[in-house]
Amino acid sequence: MNEFALEQFREHPDWHLVLQAYHAQELEQPIGEDSEVDVSELWGVRLPKVEGVASDQLSRIHGQLIAHGLLSFQMKDGRSGVQYRVSVLGKQALDSARQVPDVVLKPAA
């Protein structure tokens, strides 16, 4: 795991809230039992708001999550706009936070 990205994640609890919201969005996508859809290929729309995060901070947080490799994005076509999903590194960061619950409680300096 990228230790610098994990340290940044630990220092910014709002990043955790945004990443967790995208992860929840991925888990909510309907997939039939007989579906051959690879869950790693699911993408979601940009979240316009995240509970606990100031709306005027969302763009900055998106940029930081993308820059640190925690959130991936793609432009599928001109109609769909930008789509997002939690990267492998982002999932590792979320798993790490679950294993050490206070990892996201460290206040930003």
PDB file of N, CA and C in Angstrom:
ATOM      1  N   MET A   1       0.848  -1.177   0.000  1.00  0.00           N
ATOM      2  CA  MET A   1       0.000   0.000   0.000  1.00  0.00           C
ATOM      3  C   MET A   1       0.893   1.239   0.000  1.00  0.00           C
ATOM      4  N   ASN A   2       0.443   2.259  -0.636  1.00  0.00           N
ATOM      5  CA  ASN A   2       1.147   3.528  -0.671  1.00  0.00           C
ATOM      6  C   ASN A   2       1.024   4.180   0.709  1.00  0.00           C
ATOM      7  N   GLU A   3       2.095   4.156   1.471  1.00  0.00           N
ATOM      8  CA  GLU A   3       2.055   4.658   2.854  1.00  0.00           C
ATOM      9  C   GLU A   3       1.751   6.152   2.924  1.00  0.00           C
ATOM     10  N   PHE A   4       2.258   6.920   1.961  1.00  0.00           N
ATOM     11  CA  PHE A   4       1.970   8.357   1.971  1.00  0.00           C
ATOM     12  C   PHE A   4       0.473   8.609   1.784  1.00  0.00           C
ATOM     13  N   ALA A   5      -0.139   7.899   0.842  1.00  0.00           N
ATOM     14  CA  ALA A   5      -1.578   8.062   0.612  1.00  0.00           C
ATOM     15  C   ALA A   5      -2.356   7.650   1.851  1.00  0.00           C
ATOM     16  N   LEU A   6      -1.934   6.569   2.505  1.00  0.00           N
ATOM     17  CA  LEU A   6      -2.621   6.125   3.714  1.00  0.00           C
ATOM     18  C   LEU A   6      -2.486   7.160   4.826  1.00  0.00           C
ATOM     19  N   GLU A   7      -1.308   7.750   4.972  1.00  0.00           N
ATOM     20  CA  GLU A   7      -1.097   8.773   6.002  1.00  0.00           C
ATOM     21  C   GLU A   7      -1.973   9.992   5.727  1.00  0.00           C
ATOM     22  N   GLN A   8      -2.048  10.402   4.467  1.00  0.00           N
ATOM     23  CA  GLN A   8      -2.918  11.528   4.107  1.00  0.00           C
ATOM     24  C   GLN A   8      -4.378  11.188   4.415  1.00  0.00           C
ATOM     25  N   PHE A   9      -4.782   9.974   4.120  1.00  0.00           N
ATOM     26  CA  PHE A   9      -6.137   9.511   4.396  1.00  0.00           C
ATOM     27  C   PHE A   9      -6.422   9.579   5.896  1.00  0.00           C
ATOM     28  N   ARG A  10      -5.461   9.180   6.692  1.00  0.00           N
ATOM     29  CA  ARG A  10      -5.620   9.210   8.143  1.00  0.00           C
ATOM     30  C   ARG A  10      -5.771  10.634   8.675  1.00  0.00           C
ATOM     31  N   GLU A  11      -5.107  11.568   8.035  1.00  0.00           N
ATOM     32  CA  GLU A  11      -5.109  12.948   8.520  1.00  0.00           C
ATOM     33  C   GLU A  11      -6.316  13.759   8.060  1.00  0.00           C
ATOM     34  N   HIS A  12      -7.123  13.201   7.191  1.00  0.00           N
ATOM     35  CA  HIS A  12      -8.271  13.934   6.630  1.00  0.00           C
ATOM     36  C   HIS A  12      -9.538  13.102   6.767  1.00  0.00           C
ATOM     37  N   PRO A  13     -10.219  13.215   7.899  1.00  0.00           N
ATOM     38  CA  PRO A  13     -11.441  12.431   8.110  1.00  0.00           C
ATOM     39  C   PRO A  13     -12.514  12.680   7.054  1.00  0.00           C
ATOM     40  N   ASP A  14     -12.523  13.870   6.465  1.00  0.00           N
ATOM     41  CA  ASP A  14     -13.521  14.150   5.432  1.00  0.00           C
ATOM     42  C   ASP A  14     -13.268  13.304   4.179  1.00  0.00           C
ATOM     43  N   TRP A  15     -12.000  12.954   3.924  1.00  0.00           N
ATOM     44  CA  TRP A  15     -11.701  12.070   2.798  1.00  0.00           C
ATOM     45  C   TRP A  15     -12.363  10.718   3.014  1.00  0.00           C
ATOM     46  N   HIS A  16     -12.300  10.237   4.246  1.00  0.00           N
ATOM     47  CA  HIS A  16     -12.904   8.947   4.568  1.00  0.00           C
ATOM     48  C   HIS A  16     -14.405   8.986   4.303  1.00  0.00           C
ATOM     49  N   LEU A  17     -15.062  10.050   4.692  1.00  0.00           N
ATOM     50  CA  LEU A  17     -16.507  10.172   4.486  1.00  0.00           C
ATOM     51  C   LEU A  17     -16.854  10.117   3.002  1.00  0.00           C
ATOM     52  N   VAL A  18     -16.094  10.822   2.182  1.00  0.00           N
ATOM     53  CA  VAL A  18     -16.360  10.847   0.746  1.00  0.00           C
ATOM     54  C   VAL A  18     -16.078   9.483   0.122  1.00  0.00           C
ATOM     55  N   LEU A  19     -14.939   8.896   0.464  1.00  0.00           N
ATOM     56  CA  LEU A  19     -14.590   7.590  -0.095  1.00  0.00           C
ATOM     57  C   LEU A  19     -15.596   6.525   0.340  1.00  0.00           C
ATOM     58  N   GLN A  20     -16.013   6.580   1.594  1.00  0.00           N
ATOM     59  CA  GLN A  20     -17.006   5.634   2.090  1.00  0.00           C
ATOM     60  C   GLN A  20     -18.337   5.813   1.359  1.00  0.00           C
ATOM     61  N   ALA A  21     -18.703   7.041   1.047  1.00  0.00           N
ATOM     62  CA  ALA A  21     -19.947   7.295   0.315  1.00  0.00           C
ATOM     63  C   ALA A  21     -19.883   6.692  -1.088  1.00  0.00           C
ATOM     64  N   TYR A  22     -18.736   6.807  -1.757  1.00  0.00           N
ATOM     65  CA  TYR A  22     -18.594   6.188  -3.084  1.00  0.00           C
ATOM     66  C   TYR A  22     -18.625   4.664  -2.978  1.00  0.00           C
ATOM     67  N   HIS A  23     -18.000   4.139  -1.946  1.00  0.00           N
ATOM     68  CA  HIS A  23     -18.012   2.685  -1.745  1.00  0.00           C
ATOM     69  C   HIS A  23     -19.447   2.206  -1.514  1.00  0.00           C
ATOM     70  N   ALA A  24     -20.206   2.920  -0.715  1.00  0.00           N
ATOM     71  CA  ALA A  24     -21.604   2.570  -0.469  1.00  0.00           C
ATOM     72  C   ALA A  24     -22.408   2.623  -1.770  1.00  0.00           C
ATOM     73  N   GLN A  25     -22.126   3.630  -2.598  1.00  0.00           N
ATOM     74  CA  GLN A  25     -22.816   3.751  -3.882  1.00  0.00           C
ATOM     75  C   GLN A  25     -22.532   2.515  -4.749  1.00  0.00           C
ATOM     76  N   GLU A  26     -21.287   2.051  -4.730  1.00  0.00           N
ATOM     77  CA  GLU A  26     -20.933   0.858  -5.507  1.00  0.00           C
ATOM     78  C   GLU A  26     -21.700  -0.363  -5.006  1.00  0.00           C
ATOM     79  N   LEU A  27     -21.792  -0.502  -3.692  1.00  0.00           N
ATOM     80  CA  LEU A  27     -22.462  -1.657  -3.104  1.00  0.00           C
ATOM     81  C   LEU A  27     -23.957  -1.651  -3.357  1.00  0.00           C
ATOM     82  N   GLU A  28     -24.527  -0.471  -3.587  1.00  0.00           N
ATOM     83  CA  GLU A  28     -25.967  -0.338  -3.810  1.00  0.00           C
ATOM     84  C   GLU A  28     -26.381  -0.640  -5.246  1.00  0.00           C
ATOM     85  N   GLN A  29     -25.417  -0.744  -6.155  1.00  0.00           N
ATOM     86  CA  GLN A  29     -25.773  -0.976  -7.546  1.00  0.00           C
ATOM     87  C   GLN A  29     -26.353  -2.377  -7.703  1.00  0.00           C
ATOM     88  N   PRO A  30     -27.522  -2.466  -8.354  1.00  0.00           N
ATOM     89  CA  PRO A  30     -28.173  -3.777  -8.493  1.00  0.00           C
ATOM     90  C   PRO A  30     -27.419  -4.676  -9.466  1.00  0.00           C
ATOM     91  N   ILE A  31     -27.137  -5.871  -8.994  1.00  0.00           N
ATOM     92  CA  ILE A  31     -26.499  -6.883  -9.833  1.00  0.00           C
ATOM     93  C   ILE A  31     -27.279  -8.168  -9.627  1.00  0.00           C
ATOM     94  N   GLY A  32     -27.796  -8.710 -10.703  1.00  0.00           N
ATOM     95  CA  GLY A  32     -28.540  -9.962 -10.601  1.00  0.00           C
ATOM     96  C   GLY A  32     -27.611 -11.117 -10.280  1.00  0.00           C
ATOM     97  N   GLU A  33     -28.178 -12.160  -9.683  1.00  0.00           N
ATOM     98  CA  GLU A  33     -27.369 -13.321  -9.314  1.00  0.00           C
ATOM     99  C   GLU A  33     -26.719 -13.978 -10.518  1.00  0.00           C
ATOM    100  N   ASP A  34     -27.409 -13.950 -11.647  1.00  0.00           N
ATOM    101  CA  ASP A  34     -26.886 -14.588 -12.849  1.00  0.00           C
ATOM    102  C   ASP A  34     -26.072 -13.619 -13.709  1.00  0.00           C
ATOM    103  N   SER A  35     -25.859 -12.437 -13.207  1.00  0.00           N
ATOM    104  CA  SER A  35     -25.152 -11.418 -13.974  1.00  0.00           C
ATOM    105  C   SER A  35     -23.676 -11.773 -14.120  1.00  0.00           C
ATOM    106  N   GLU A  36     -23.138 -11.468 -15.287  1.00  0.00           N
ATOM    107  CA  GLU A  36     -21.719 -11.679 -15.519  1.00  0.00           C
ATOM    108  C   GLU A  36     -20.943 -10.373 -15.369  1.00  0.00           C
ATOM    109  N   VAL A  37     -21.571  -9.393 -14.739  1.00  0.00           N
ATOM    110  CA  VAL A  37     -20.924  -8.112 -14.517  1.00  0.00           C
ATOM    111  C   VAL A  37     -19.832  -8.275 -13.471  1.00  0.00           C
ATOM    112  N   ASP A  38     -18.652  -7.797 -13.791  1.00  0.00           N
ATOM    113  CA  ASP A  38     -17.536  -7.816 -12.851  1.00  0.00           C
ATOM    114  C   ASP A  38     -17.699  -6.606 -11.935  1.00  0.00           C
ATOM    115  N   VAL A  39     -17.849  -6.849 -10.620  1.00  0.00           N
ATOM    116  CA  VAL A  39     -18.084  -5.739  -9.693  1.00  0.00           C
ATOM    117  C   VAL A  39     -16.957  -4.724  -9.713  1.00  0.00           C
ATOM    118  N   SER A  40     -15.771  -5.118 -10.133  1.00  0.00           N
ATOM    119  CA  SER A  40     -14.667  -4.163 -10.208  1.00  0.00           C
ATOM    120  C   SER A  40     -14.843  -3.203 -11.376  1.00  0.00           C
ATOM    121  N   GLU A  41     -15.823  -3.469 -12.238  1.00  0.00           N
ATOM    122  CA  GLU A  41     -16.077  -2.600 -13.386  1.00  0.00           C
ATOM    123  C   GLU A  41     -17.257  -1.658 -13.174  1.00  0.00           C
ATOM    124  N   LEU A  42     -17.823  -1.636 -11.968  1.00  0.00           N
ATOM    125  CA  LEU A  42     -18.957  -0.759 -11.696  1.00  0.00           C
ATOM    126  C   LEU A  42     -18.484   0.665 -11.431  1.00  0.00           C
ATOM    127  N   TRP A  43     -19.142   1.599 -12.055  1.00  0.00           N
ATOM    128  CA  TRP A  43     -18.828   3.016 -11.894  1.00  0.00           C
ATOM    129  C   TRP A  43     -20.082   3.739 -11.444  1.00  0.00           C
ATOM    130  N   GLY A  44     -19.922   4.818 -10.698  1.00  0.00           N
ATOM    131  CA  GLY A  44     -21.066   5.588 -10.230  1.00  0.00           C
ATOM    132  C   GLY A  44     -20.951   7.049 -10.618  1.00  0.00           C
ATOM    133  N   VAL A  45     -22.052   7.747 -10.461  1.00  0.00           N
ATOM    134  CA  VAL A  45     -22.088   9.179 -10.753  1.00  0.00           C
ATOM    135  C   VAL A  45     -21.397   9.958  -9.638  1.00  0.00           C
ATOM    136  N   ARG A  46     -21.034  11.178  -9.938  1.00  0.00           N
ATOM    137  CA  ARG A  46     -20.439  12.042  -8.923  1.00  0.00           C
ATOM    138  C   ARG A  46     -21.480  12.372  -7.855  1.00  0.00           C
ATOM    139  N   LEU A  47     -21.078  12.235  -6.620  1.00  0.00           N
ATOM    140  CA  LEU A  47     -21.985  12.536  -5.515  1.00  0.00           C
ATOM    141  C   LEU A  47     -22.050  14.050  -5.307  1.00  0.00           C
ATOM    142  N   PRO A  48     -23.252  14.632  -5.362  1.00  0.00           N
ATOM    143  CA  PRO A  48     -23.380  16.083  -5.211  1.00  0.00           C
ATOM    144  C   PRO A  48     -23.221  16.550  -3.766  1.00  0.00           C
ATOM    145  N   LYS A  49     -23.424  15.626  -2.824  1.00  0.00           N
ATOM    146  CA  LYS A  49     -23.228  15.969  -1.416  1.00  0.00           C
ATOM    147  C   LYS A  49     -22.916  14.693  -0.646  1.00  0.00           C
ATOM    148  N   VAL A  50     -22.211  14.881   0.460  1.00  0.00           N
ATOM    149  CA  VAL A  50     -21.861  13.779   1.353  1.00  0.00           C
ATOM    150  C   VAL A  50     -22.113  14.270   2.768  1.00  0.00           C
ATOM    151  N   GLU A  51     -22.888  13.519   3.518  1.00  0.00           N
ATOM    152  CA  GLU A  51     -23.205  13.912   4.889  1.00  0.00           C
ATOM    153  C   GLU A  51     -21.925  14.052   5.703  1.00  0.00           C
ATOM    154  N   GLY A  52     -21.815  15.193   6.398  1.00  0.00           N
ATOM    155  CA  GLY A  52     -20.652  15.453   7.232  1.00  0.00           C
ATOM    156  C   GLY A  52     -19.537  16.196   6.538  1.00  0.00           C
ATOM    157  N   VAL A  53     -19.726  16.497   5.240  1.00  0.00           N
ATOM    158  CA  VAL A  53     -18.703  17.202   4.464  1.00  0.00           C
ATOM    159  C   VAL A  53     -19.333  18.466   3.877  1.00  0.00           C
ATOM    160  N   ALA A  54     -18.656  19.584   4.064  1.00  0.00           N
ATOM    161  CA  ALA A  54     -19.147  20.844   3.510  1.00  0.00           C
ATOM    162  C   ALA A  54     -19.152  20.770   1.980  1.00  0.00           C
ATOM    163  N   SER A  55     -20.252  21.182   1.383  1.00  0.00           N
ATOM    164  CA  SER A  55     -20.401  21.110  -0.082  1.00  0.00           C
ATOM    165  C   SER A  55     -19.289  21.835  -0.817  1.00  0.00           C
ATOM    166  N   ASP A  56     -18.833  22.955  -0.253  1.00  0.00           N
ATOM    167  CA  ASP A  56     -17.785  23.723  -0.935  1.00  0.00           C
ATOM    168  C   ASP A  56     -16.414  23.038  -0.853  1.00  0.00           C
ATOM    169  N   GLN A  57     -16.309  21.942  -0.115  1.00  0.00           N
ATOM    170  CA  GLN A  57     -15.051  21.198  -0.005  1.00  0.00           C
ATOM    171  C   GLN A  57     -15.009  19.959  -0.906  1.00  0.00           C
ATOM    172  N   LEU A  58     -16.151  19.577  -1.467  1.00  0.00           N
ATOM    173  CA  LEU A  58     -16.213  18.330  -2.227  1.00  0.00           C
ATOM    174  C   LEU A  58     -15.284  18.301  -3.437  1.00  0.00           C
ATOM    175  N   SER A  59     -15.223  19.363  -4.199  1.00  0.00           N
ATOM    176  CA  SER A  59     -14.347  19.375  -5.376  1.00  0.00           C
ATOM    177  C   SER A  59     -12.889  19.191  -4.978  1.00  0.00           C
ATOM    178  N   ARG A  60     -12.465  19.889  -3.929  1.00  0.00           N
ATOM    179  CA  ARG A  60     -11.090  19.763  -3.451  1.00  0.00           C
ATOM    180  C   ARG A  60     -10.808  18.331  -2.987  1.00  0.00           C
ATOM    181  N   ILE A  61     -11.758  17.755  -2.258  1.00  0.00           N
ATOM    182  CA  ILE A  61     -11.570  16.391  -1.757  1.00  0.00           C
ATOM    183  C   ILE A  61     -11.527  15.393  -2.906  1.00  0.00           C
ATOM    184  N   HIS A  62     -12.399  15.562  -3.894  1.00  0.00           N
ATOM    185  CA  HIS A  62     -12.344  14.696  -5.072  1.00  0.00           C
ATOM    186  C   HIS A  62     -10.947  14.749  -5.690  1.00  0.00           C
ATOM    187  N   GLY A  63     -10.445  15.952  -5.868  1.00  0.00           N
ATOM    188  CA  GLY A  63      -9.123  16.118  -6.463  1.00  0.00           C
ATOM    189  C   GLY A  63      -8.031  15.436  -5.663  1.00  0.00           C
ATOM    190  N   GLN A  64      -8.085  15.566  -4.353  1.00  0.00           N
ATOM    191  CA  GLN A  64      -7.076  14.934  -3.495  1.00  0.00           C
ATOM    192  C   GLN A  64      -7.189  13.406  -3.546  1.00  0.00           C
ATOM    193  N   LEU A  65      -8.400  12.892  -3.487  1.00  0.00           N
ATOM    194  CA  LEU A  65      -8.585  11.438  -3.547  1.00  0.00           C
ATOM    195  C   LEU A  65      -8.085  10.876  -4.872  1.00  0.00           C
ATOM    196  N   ILE A  66      -8.354  11.583  -5.950  1.00  0.00           N
ATOM    197  CA  ILE A  66      -7.876  11.152  -7.267  1.00  0.00           C
ATOM    198  C   ILE A  66      -6.348  11.260  -7.329  1.00  0.00           C
ATOM    199  N   ALA A  67      -5.801  12.382  -6.871  1.00  0.00           N
ATOM    200  CA  ALA A  67      -4.348  12.598  -6.925  1.00  0.00           C
ATOM    201  C   ALA A  67      -3.578  11.550  -6.128  1.00  0.00           C
ATOM    202  N   HIS A  68      -4.148  11.080  -5.027  1.00  0.00           N
ATOM    203  CA  HIS A  68      -3.479  10.084  -4.188  1.00  0.00           C
ATOM    204  C   HIS A  68      -3.839   8.653  -4.592  1.00  0.00           C
ATOM    205  N   GLY A  69      -4.605   8.500  -5.654  1.00  0.00           N
ATOM    206  CA  GLY A  69      -4.920   7.173  -6.162  1.00  0.00           C
ATOM    207  C   GLY A  69      -5.977   6.424  -5.378  1.00  0.00           C
ATOM    208  N   LEU A  70      -6.768   7.139  -4.586  1.00  0.00           N
ATOM    209  CA  LEU A  70      -7.796   6.501  -3.769  1.00  0.00           C
ATOM    210  C   LEU A  70      -9.145   6.425  -4.481  1.00  0.00           C
ATOM    211  N   LEU A  71      -9.357   7.294  -5.447  1.00  0.00           N
ATOM    212  CA  LEU A  71     -10.599   7.353  -6.211  1.00  0.00           C
ATOM    213  C   LEU A  71     -10.236   7.407  -7.689  1.00  0.00           C
ATOM    214  N   SER A  72     -10.898   6.559  -8.483  1.00  0.00           N
ATOM    215  CA  SER A  72     -10.660   6.539  -9.929  1.00  0.00           C
ATOM    216  C   SER A  72     -11.826   7.210 -10.635  1.00  0.00           C
ATOM    217  N   PHE A  73     -11.562   7.722 -11.824  1.00  0.00           N
ATOM    218  CA  PHE A  73     -12.636   8.327 -12.603  1.00  0.00           C
ATOM    219  C   PHE A  73     -12.461   7.962 -14.065  1.00  0.00           C
ATOM    220  N   GLN A  74     -13.564   8.063 -14.806  1.00  0.00           N
ATOM    221  CA  GLN A  74     -13.524   7.847 -16.249  1.00  0.00           C
ATOM    222  C   GLN A  74     -14.597   8.697 -16.904  1.00  0.00           C
ATOM    223  N   MET A  75     -14.390   8.991 -18.153  1.00  0.00           N
ATOM    224  CA  MET A  75     -15.393   9.683 -18.964  1.00  0.00           C
ATOM    225  C   MET A  75     -15.835   8.655 -19.996  1.00  0.00           C
ATOM    226  N   LYS A  76     -16.951   7.992 -19.703  1.00  0.00           N
ATOM    227  CA  LYS A  76     -17.398   6.884 -20.551  1.00  0.00           C
ATOM    228  C   LYS A  76     -17.862   7.376 -21.915  1.00  0.00           C
ATOM    229  N   ASP A  77     -18.732   8.356 -21.910  1.00  0.00           N
ATOM    230  CA  ASP A  77     -19.210   8.953 -23.155  1.00  0.00           C
ATOM    231  C   ASP A  77     -19.695  10.363 -22.851  1.00  0.00           C
ATOM    232  N   GLY A  78     -20.035  11.094 -23.857  1.00  0.00           N
ATOM    233  CA  GLY A  78     -20.441  12.480 -23.684  1.00  0.00           C
ATOM    234  C   GLY A  78     -21.725  12.671 -22.904  1.00  0.00           C
ATOM    235  N   ARG A  79     -22.580  11.665 -22.876  1.00  0.00           N
ATOM    236  CA  ARG A  79     -23.859  11.779 -22.170  1.00  0.00           C
ATOM    237  C   ARG A  79     -23.761  11.444 -20.692  1.00  0.00           C
ATOM    238  N   SER A  80     -22.911  10.507 -20.335  1.00  0.00           N
ATOM    239  CA  SER A  80     -22.837  10.030 -18.951  1.00  0.00           C
ATOM    240  C   SER A  80     -22.056  10.961 -18.039  1.00  0.00           C
ATOM    241  N   GLY A  81     -21.186  11.754 -18.609  1.00  0.00           N
ATOM    242  CA  GLY A  81     -20.341  12.607 -17.787  1.00  0.00           C
ATOM    243  C   GLY A  81     -19.259  11.786 -17.096  1.00  0.00           C
ATOM    244  N   VAL A  82     -18.652  12.365 -16.097  1.00  0.00           N
ATOM    245  CA  VAL A  82     -17.578  11.697 -15.366  1.00  0.00           C
ATOM    246  C   VAL A  82     -18.193  10.687 -14.404  1.00  0.00           C
ATOM    247  N   GLN A  83     -17.578   9.512 -14.357  1.00  0.00           N
ATOM    248  CA  GLN A  83     -18.013   8.467 -13.442  1.00  0.00           C
ATOM    249  C   GLN A  83     -16.862   8.145 -12.494  1.00  0.00           C
ATOM    250  N   TYR A  84     -17.206   7.656 -11.315  1.00  0.00           N
ATOM    251  CA  TYR A  84     -16.212   7.420 -10.263  1.00  0.00           C
ATOM    252  C   TYR A  84     -16.361   6.035  -9.663  1.00  0.00           C
ATOM    253  N   ARG A  85     -15.258   5.558  -9.095  1.00  0.00           N
ATOM    254  CA  ARG A  85     -15.278   4.350  -8.266  1.00  0.00           C
ATOM    255  C   ARG A  85     -14.071   4.370  -7.347  1.00  0.00           C
ATOM    256  N   VAL A  86     -14.191   3.662  -6.250  1.00  0.00           N
ATOM    257  CA  VAL A  86     -13.100   3.560  -5.289  1.00  0.00           C
ATOM    258  C   VAL A  86     -12.034   2.646  -5.902  1.00  0.00           C
ATOM    259  N   SER A  87     -10.794   3.102  -5.912  1.00  0.00           N
ATOM    260  CA  SER A  87      -9.701   2.309  -6.473  1.00  0.00           C
ATOM    261  C   SER A  87      -9.320   1.178  -5.526  1.00  0.00           C
ATOM    262  N   VAL A  88      -8.451   0.305  -5.986  1.00  0.00           N
ATOM    263  CA  VAL A  88      -7.945  -0.776  -5.141  1.00  0.00           C
ATOM    264  C   VAL A  88      -7.259  -0.178  -3.914  1.00  0.00           C
ATOM    265  N   LEU A  89      -6.455   0.857  -4.120  1.00  0.00           N
ATOM    266  CA  LEU A  89      -5.783   1.523  -3.001  1.00  0.00           C
ATOM    267  C   LEU A  89      -6.803   2.150  -2.051  1.00  0.00           C
ATOM    268  N   GLY A  90      -7.864   2.732  -2.604  1.00  0.00           N
ATOM    269  CA  GLY A  90      -8.916   3.310  -1.784  1.00  0.00           C
ATOM    270  C   GLY A  90      -9.615   2.258  -0.934  1.00  0.00           C
ATOM    271  N   LYS A  91      -9.853   1.090  -1.513  1.00  0.00           N
ATOM    272  CA  LYS A  91     -10.470  -0.003  -0.755  1.00  0.00           C
ATOM    273  C   LYS A  91      -9.531  -0.488   0.349  1.00  0.00           C
ATOM    274  N   GLN A  92      -8.234  -0.503   0.064  1.00  0.00           N
ATOM    275  CA  GLN A  92      -7.266  -0.885   1.092  1.00  0.00           C
ATOM    276  C   GLN A  92      -7.278   0.133   2.234  1.00  0.00           C
ATOM    277  N   ALA A  93      -7.390   1.402   1.891  1.00  0.00           N
ATOM    278  CA  ALA A  93      -7.438   2.452   2.919  1.00  0.00           C
ATOM    279  C   ALA A  93      -8.694   2.305   3.769  1.00  0.00           C
ATOM    280  N   LEU A  94      -9.840   2.030   3.139  1.00  0.00           N
ATOM    281  CA  LEU A  94     -11.079   1.827   3.892  1.00  0.00           C
ATOM    282  C   LEU A  94     -10.968   0.602   4.791  1.00  0.00           C
ATOM    283  N   ASP A  95     -10.383  -0.481   4.267  1.00  0.00           N
ATOM    284  CA  ASP A  95     -10.189  -1.689   5.075  1.00  0.00           C
ATOM    285  C   ASP A  95      -9.276  -1.403   6.255  1.00  0.00           C
ATOM    286  N   SER A  96      -8.221  -0.646   6.017  1.00  0.00           N
ATOM    287  CA  SER A  96      -7.286  -0.282   7.083  1.00  0.00           C
ATOM    288  C   SER A  96      -7.999   0.529   8.158  1.00  0.00           C
ATOM    289  N   ALA A  97      -8.876   1.427   7.738  1.00  0.00           N
ATOM    290  CA  ALA A  97      -9.616   2.252   8.692  1.00  0.00           C
ATOM    291  C   ALA A  97     -10.572   1.397   9.522  1.00  0.00           C
ATOM    292  N   ARG A  98     -11.132   0.355   8.913  1.00  0.00           N
ATOM    293  CA  ARG A  98     -12.021  -0.542   9.661  1.00  0.00           C
ATOM    294  C   ARG A  98     -11.243  -1.341  10.701  1.00  0.00           C
ATOM    295  N   GLN A  99     -10.008  -1.723  10.371  1.00  0.00           N
ATOM    296  CA  GLN A  99      -9.187  -2.514  11.279  1.00  0.00           C
ATOM    297  C   GLN A  99      -8.692  -1.690  12.448  1.00  0.00           C
ATOM    298  N   VAL A 100      -8.482  -0.405  12.217  1.00  0.00           N
ATOM    299  CA  VAL A 100      -8.035   0.515  13.264  1.00  0.00           C
ATOM    300  C   VAL A 100      -9.052   1.644  13.299  1.00  0.00           C
ATOM    301  N   PRO A 101     -10.154   1.488  14.047  1.00  0.00           N
ATOM    302  CA  PRO A 101     -11.272   2.427  13.976  1.00  0.00           C
ATOM    303  C   PRO A 101     -10.909   3.886  14.193  1.00  0.00           C
ATOM    304  N   ASP A 102      -9.910   4.192  14.995  1.00  0.00           N
ATOM    305  CA  ASP A 102      -9.603   5.596  15.235  1.00  0.00           C
ATOM    306  C   ASP A 102      -8.707   6.192  14.169  1.00  0.00           C
ATOM    307  N   VAL A 103      -8.420   5.431  13.131  1.00  0.00           N
ATOM    308  CA  VAL A 103      -7.537   5.908  12.068  1.00  0.00           C
ATOM    309  C   VAL A 103      -8.088   7.172  11.406  1.00  0.00           C
ATOM    310  N   VAL A 104      -9.403   7.324  11.339  1.00  0.00           N
ATOM    311  CA  VAL A 104      -9.983   8.494  10.685  1.00  0.00           C
ATOM    312  C   VAL A 104     -10.386   9.566  11.682  1.00  0.00           C
ATOM    313  N   LEU A 105     -10.055   9.368  12.936  1.00  0.00           N
ATOM    314  CA  LEU A 105     -10.437  10.348  13.944  1.00  0.00           C
ATOM    315  C   LEU A 105      -9.321  11.318  14.252  1.00  0.00           C
ATOM    316  N   LYS A 106      -8.168  11.146  13.614  1.00  0.00           N
ATOM    317  CA  LYS A 106      -7.054  12.039  13.830  1.00  0.00           C
ATOM    318  C   LYS A 106      -7.387  13.403  13.243  1.00  0.00           C
ATOM    319  N   PRO A 107      -7.415  14.455  14.051  1.00  0.00           N
ATOM    320  CA  PRO A 107      -7.783  15.767  13.525  1.00  0.00           C
ATOM    321  C   PRO A 107      -6.718  16.305  12.560  1.00  0.00           C
ATOM    322  N   ALA A 108      -7.182  17.009  11.548  1.00  0.00           N
ATOM    323  CA  ALA A 108      -6.255  17.637  10.599  1.00  0.00           C
ATOM    324  C   ALA A 108      -5.482  18.717  11.294  1.00  0.00           C
ATOM    325  N   ALA A 109      -4.193  18.790  10.990  1.00  0.00           N
ATOM    326  CA  ALA A 109      -3.339  19.799  11.634  1.00  0.00           C
ATOM    327  C   ALA A 109      -3.501  21.151  10.980  1.00  0.00           C
TER     328      ALA A 109
END
